Amino acid sequence: SLMLLSLSPDQIGAYLQNKALSPEGRKQLEAIIAAKKQIAAIDRQVRDIDTQINELTKDQERIRQNLTSLN
């Protein structure tokens, strides 16, 4: 028994090198690797969007301060 949740796709890939691994086991590990890579890509997109939101929020605050100083 092995918990794959905490392993990276590269670490799981090392298990694919096992010659004793059944074709079904290999197929399942490959599916897990693909899913983990997709999750990592989505996490990167979420972080990028969070960064954009933070930058926009800072810009809005700066604009509000500028408008306040004009009054």
Protein backbone atom coordinates (compact mmCIF):
# COMPACT_ATOMS: atom_id res chain seq x y z
CA SER A 1 0.00 0.00 0.00
CA LEU A 2 1.33 3.42 -0.95
CA MET A 3 -0.18 6.89 -0.66
CA LEU A 4 0.30 8.72 -3.96
CA LEU A 5 -1.30 11.96 -2.89
CA SER A 6 1.89 13.44 -1.50
CA LEU A 7 4.14 12.27 -4.35
CA SER A 8 5.07 14.44 -7.31
CA PRO A 9 4.44 13.25 -10.87
CA ASP A 10 8.18 12.61 -11.22
CA GLN A 11 8.23 10.46 -8.10
CA ILE A 12 5.23 8.48 -9.34
CA GLY A 13 6.97 8.16 -12.71
CA ALA A 14 9.80 6.35 -11.00
CA TYR A 15 7.35 3.59 -10.12
CA LEU A 16 6.58 3.21 -13.83
CA GLN A 17 10.13 1.94 -14.28
CA ASN A 18 9.23 -1.16 -12.25
CA LYS A 19 9.26 -4.09 -14.70
CA ALA A 20 6.95 -6.11 -12.42
CA LEU A 21 4.19 -3.50 -12.69
CA SER A 22 1.10 -4.86 -14.41
CA PRO A 23 -0.26 -3.13 -17.52
CA GLU A 24 -3.36 -2.12 -15.54
CA GLY A 25 -1.21 -0.71 -12.73
CA ARG A 26 0.89 1.19 -15.27
CA LYS A 27 -2.25 2.61 -16.87
CA GLN A 28 -3.57 3.75 -13.49
CA LEU A 29 -0.27 5.39 -12.53
CA GLU A 30 -0.14 7.19 -15.87
CA ALA A 31 -3.67 8.50 -15.29
CA ILE A 32 -2.67 9.70 -11.82
CA ILE A 33 0.39 11.47 -13.24
CA ALA A 34 -1.74 13.20 -15.88
CA ALA A 35 -4.29 14.30 -13.26
CA LYS A 36 -1.59 15.62 -10.90
CA LYS A 37 -0.02 17.61 -13.77
CA GLN A 38 -3.41 19.07 -14.64
CA ILE A 39 -4.00 20.02 -11.00
CA ALA A 40 -0.58 21.70 -10.85
CA ALA A 41 -1.36 23.70 -14.01
CA ILE A 42 -4.69 24.83 -12.59
CA ASP A 43 -3.02 25.80 -9.30
CA ARG A 44 -0.57 27.98 -11.26
CA GLN A 45 -3.48 29.64 -13.07
CA VAL A 46 -5.25 30.32 -9.76
CA ARG A 47 -2.08 31.89 -8.31
CA ASP A 48 -1.67 34.05 -11.43
CA ILE A 49 -5.28 35.23 -11.21
CA ASP A 50 -4.89 35.96 -7.49
CA THR A 51 -1.83 38.07 -8.30
CA GLN A 52 -3.78 39.97 -10.95
CA ILE A 53 -6.65 40.58 -8.53
CA ASN A 54 -4.24 41.90 -5.89
CA GLU A 55 -2.61 44.24 -8.41
CA LEU A 56 -6.01 45.55 -9.54
CA THR A 57 -7.08 46.08 -5.94
CA LYS A 58 -3.90 48.07 -5.24
CA ASP A 59 -4.47 50.14 -8.40
CA GLN A 60 -8.06 50.88 -7.36
CA GLU A 61 -6.93 51.96 -3.92
CA ARG A 62 -4.28 54.24 -5.45
CA ILE A 63 -6.90 55.79 -7.76
CA ARG A 64 -9.28 56.33 -4.81
CA GLN A 65 -6.52 58.08 -2.88
CA ASN A 66 -5.75 60.27 -5.88
CA LEU A 67 -9.43 61.21 -6.25
CA THR A 68 -9.66 61.98 -2.56
CA SER A 69 -6.65 64.28 -2.75
CA LEU A 70 -8.26 66.17 -5.65
CA ASN A 71 -11.29 66.99 -3.53
